[in-house]
């Protein structure tokens, strides 16, 4: 599968709309930490305006679940709480057309067409 990589600074809203119309997967890079929320909201609105559904999640979130294996009481509780939250979120966004994976550490959003 060929996934295009685009700088958020140079891609237009029209180009993003075209990629979604064509059911393409793509990566947006060069996103400043302070602009992540705005970028995700814009993507969600664009996807939903086309009658499609999406799930937004943070890449690496399963690592928080692994904390449940560390035998320190607050860590175990945090890991279990995280696992429960992830499960509820997955049920609430069952079978989305797109997944948006946030990776704040690298400044990227990976937008994956799932169907």
Protein backbone atom coordinates (compact mmCIF):
# COMPACT_ATOMS: atom_id res chain seq x y z
CA UNK A 1 0.00 0.00 0.00
CA UNK A 2 1.38 3.37 -1.04
CA UNK A 3 0.98 6.00 1.69
CA UNK A 4 1.70 9.62 0.84
CA UNK A 5 3.54 11.81 3.33
CA UNK A 6 2.69 15.52 3.33
CA UNK A 7 3.87 18.48 5.34
CA UNK A 8 0.96 20.09 7.16
CA UNK A 9 2.55 23.42 6.22
CA UNK A 10 2.19 22.85 2.48
CA UNK A 11 -0.90 20.64 1.98
CA UNK A 12 -4.21 22.36 1.28
CA UNK A 13 -7.59 21.50 2.76
CA UNK A 14 -8.73 20.70 -0.78
CA UNK A 15 -5.93 18.14 -1.22
CA UNK A 16 -6.87 16.49 2.10
CA UNK A 17 -10.49 16.38 0.94
CA UNK A 18 -9.43 14.75 -2.33
CA UNK A 19 -7.36 12.12 -0.49
CA UNK A 20 -10.37 11.30 1.67
CA UNK A 21 -12.71 11.19 -1.35
CA UNK A 22 -10.30 8.71 -2.95
CA UNK A 23 -10.19 6.64 0.30
CA UNK A 24 -6.41 7.07 0.56
CA UNK A 25 -4.23 6.61 3.63
CA UNK A 26 -1.68 9.34 4.29
CA UNK A 27 0.63 10.92 6.86
CA UNK A 28 0.70 14.58 7.84
CA UNK A 29 4.03 15.67 9.29
CA UNK A 30 5.65 18.80 10.73
CA UNK A 31 2.76 19.47 13.13
CA UNK A 32 3.68 21.70 16.05
CA UNK A 33 2.60 20.36 19.44
CA UNK A 34 0.39 23.37 20.05
CA UNK A 35 -1.43 22.76 16.74
CA UNK A 36 -2.24 19.06 17.22
CA UNK A 37 -5.76 19.68 18.49
CA UNK A 38 -6.61 21.97 15.60
CA UNK A 39 -5.17 19.55 13.02
CA UNK A 40 -7.13 16.62 14.46
CA UNK A 41 -10.38 18.63 14.63
CA UNK A 42 -9.98 19.74 11.01
CA UNK A 43 -9.37 16.15 9.87
CA UNK A 44 -12.34 14.83 11.85
CA UNK A 45 -14.67 17.49 10.41
CA UNK A 46 -13.46 16.83 6.88
CA UNK A 47 -13.92 13.05 7.19
CA UNK A 48 -17.34 13.34 8.85
CA UNK A 49 -18.53 15.95 6.31
CA UNK A 50 -18.12 13.24 3.67
CA UNK A 51 -20.41 10.84 5.55
CA UNK A 52 -17.53 8.76 6.92
CA UNK A 53 -16.60 7.83 10.49
CA UNK A 54 -13.26 8.04 12.24
CA UNK A 55 -11.45 7.01 15.41
CA UNK A 56 -8.73 9.19 16.91
CA UNK A 57 -6.13 7.64 19.17
CA UNK A 58 -2.62 8.24 20.42
CA UNK A 59 0.04 6.00 18.91
CA UNK A 60 1.66 3.87 21.58
CA UNK A 61 -1.34 3.98 23.88
CA UNK A 62 -1.08 0.22 24.44
CA UNK A 63 2.17 0.88 26.31
CA UNK A 64 0.10 2.34 29.13
CA UNK A 65 -1.73 -0.96 29.42
CA UNK A 66 1.60 -2.73 29.84
CA UNK A 67 2.06 -0.71 33.03
CA UNK A 68 -0.50 -3.03 34.63
CA UNK A 69 2.19 -5.74 34.72
CA UNK A 70 4.46 -3.67 36.96
CA UNK A 71 3.69 -4.71 40.53
CA UNK A 72 3.42 -1.24 42.06
CA UNK A 73 -0.10 -0.48 43.16
CA UNK A 74 -0.62 2.98 41.54
CA UNK A 75 0.94 1.75 38.30
CA UNK A 76 -1.32 -1.31 38.21
CA UNK A 77 -4.39 0.82 38.82
CA UNK A 78 -3.32 3.27 36.11
CA UNK A 79 -2.69 0.46 33.65
CA UNK A 80 -6.06 -1.14 34.28
CA UNK A 81 -7.85 2.21 34.06
CA UNK A 82 -6.10 2.87 30.75
CA UNK A 83 -7.11 -0.55 29.39
CA UNK A 84 -10.73 0.02 30.36
CA UNK A 85 -10.70 3.48 28.76
CA UNK A 86 -9.21 2.14 25.53
CA UNK A 87 -11.83 -0.63 25.43
CA UNK A 88 -14.70 1.80 25.91
CA UNK A 89 -13.29 4.12 23.25
CA UNK A 90 -12.95 1.24 20.77
CA UNK A 91 -16.55 0.20 21.35
CA UNK A 92 -17.80 3.76 20.95
CA UNK A 93 -15.97 4.09 17.63
CA UNK A 94 -16.63 0.57 16.35
CA UNK A 95 -15.65 -0.16 12.74
CA UNK A 96 -14.55 3.33 11.62
CA UNK A 97 -13.85 4.23 8.02
CA UNK A 98 -10.68 6.06 9.05
CA UNK A 99 -8.28 5.93 11.97
CA UNK A 100 -6.25 8.99 12.93
CA UNK A 101 -3.15 8.10 14.94
CA UNK A 102 -1.58 11.01 16.80
CA UNK A 103 2.17 10.84 17.41
CA UNK A 104 3.03 13.98 19.30
CA UNK A 105 6.66 12.91 19.80
CA UNK A 106 7.32 12.89 16.05
CA UNK A 107 4.80 15.59 15.11
CA UNK A 108 2.79 13.36 12.80
CA UNK A 109 -0.78 12.26 12.19
CA UNK A 110 -1.21 8.95 10.39
CA UNK A 111 -4.59 8.81 8.64
CA UNK A 112 -5.47 5.23 7.68
CA UNK A 113 -8.44 4.13 5.57
CA UNK A 114 -9.73 0.93 7.20
CA UNK A 115 -12.47 -0.44 4.95
